[in-house]
Amino acid sequence: MLGEGRRRGRETEEEEEEEEEKKGRKEEEEGRKKEEEGRRWHSETFVQSSYRCGWVVWAWGAVGVAWVLWDEAVVG
């Protein structure tokens, strides 16, 4: 009977250790997913801001060309 109780105690400890390992692996996996999601968000945001910046530069360039053409036409 005493041997049986010890065996059950060891089995319980082993089960608890396995559960802790599963929790640890699950937390690591969630951490990796969040990190990957953060990287993806930052890269998408960078592309969007670069795209907007490109349009702003293009628009100011167009304004500058129009200004020069208008200045040449009026002042001439």
Protein backbone atom coordinates (compact mmCIF):
# COMPACT_ATOMS: atom_id res chain seq x y z
CA MET A 1 0.00 0.00 0.00
CA LEU A 2 2.75 2.44 0.77
CA GLY A 3 4.46 1.69 -2.52
CA GLU A 4 1.21 2.32 -4.34
CA GLY A 5 0.80 5.74 -2.70
CA ARG A 6 4.35 6.73 -3.63
CA ARG A 7 3.80 5.62 -7.21
CA ARG A 8 0.62 7.70 -7.42
CA GLY A 9 2.47 10.67 -5.94
CA ARG A 10 5.18 10.38 -8.59
CA GLU A 11 2.59 10.02 -11.36
CA THR A 12 0.82 13.14 -10.10
CA GLU A 13 4.11 15.06 -10.03
CA GLU A 14 4.93 13.89 -13.55
CA GLU A 15 1.49 14.94 -14.79
CA GLU A 16 1.90 18.36 -13.18
CA GLU A 17 5.32 18.76 -14.82
CA GLU A 18 3.87 17.78 -18.20
CA GLU A 19 1.06 20.33 -17.76
CA GLU A 20 3.58 23.04 -16.88
CA GLU A 21 5.64 22.17 -19.95
CA LYS A 22 2.52 22.34 -22.13
CA LYS A 23 1.65 25.74 -20.66
CA GLY A 24 5.20 26.95 -21.28
CA ARG A 25 5.14 25.77 -24.89
CA LYS A 26 1.73 27.35 -25.41
CA GLU A 27 2.93 30.67 -24.00
CA GLU A 28 6.04 30.57 -26.19
CA GLU A 29 3.90 29.89 -29.27
CA GLU A 30 1.56 32.78 -28.40
CA GLY A 31 4.57 35.05 -27.89
CA ARG A 32 5.97 34.10 -31.30
CA LYS A 33 2.60 34.72 -32.94
CA LYS A 34 2.30 38.17 -31.32
CA GLU A 35 5.85 39.04 -32.33
CA GLU A 36 5.21 37.97 -35.94
CA GLU A 37 1.96 39.93 -36.00
CA GLY A 38 3.80 43.01 -34.70
CA ARG A 39 6.46 42.69 -37.38
CA ARG A 40 3.82 42.33 -40.08
CA TRP A 41 1.91 45.37 -38.78
CA HIS A 42 5.06 47.51 -38.74
CA SER A 43 6.06 46.48 -42.25
CA GLU A 44 2.55 47.18 -43.60
CA THR A 45 2.49 50.54 -41.85
CA PHE A 46 5.91 51.42 -43.29
CA VAL A 47 4.77 50.54 -46.81
CA GLN A 48 1.59 52.59 -46.42
CA SER A 49 3.47 55.61 -45.07
CA SER A 50 6.10 55.31 -47.82
CA TYR A 51 3.34 55.18 -50.42
CA ARG A 52 1.70 58.28 -48.96
CA CYS A 53 5.05 60.05 -48.77
CA GLY A 54 5.64 59.24 -52.43
CA TRP A 55 2.34 60.82 -53.39
CA VAL A 56 3.09 63.93 -51.33
CA VAL A 57 6.50 64.33 -52.99
CA TRP A 58 4.94 63.80 -56.42
CA ALA A 59 2.20 66.36 -55.67
CA TRP A 60 4.69 68.99 -54.48
CA GLY A 61 6.79 68.33 -57.57
CA ALA A 62 3.73 68.89 -59.76
CA VAL A 63 2.99 72.14 -57.90
CA GLY A 64 6.58 73.26 -58.42
CA VAL A 65 6.45 72.51 -62.16
CA ALA A 66 3.12 74.31 -62.47
CA TRP A 67 4.56 77.30 -60.61
CA VAL A 68 7.58 77.48 -62.91
CA LEU A 69 5.42 77.17 -66.04
CA TRP A 70 3.02 79.83 -64.76
CA ASP A 71 5.92 82.11 -63.84
CA GLU A 72 7.45 81.70 -67.33
CA ALA A 73 4.09 82.36 -69.00
CA VAL A 74 3.25 85.45 -66.94
CA VAL A 75 6.69 86.99 -66.47
CA GLY A 76 8.05 85.51 -69.57
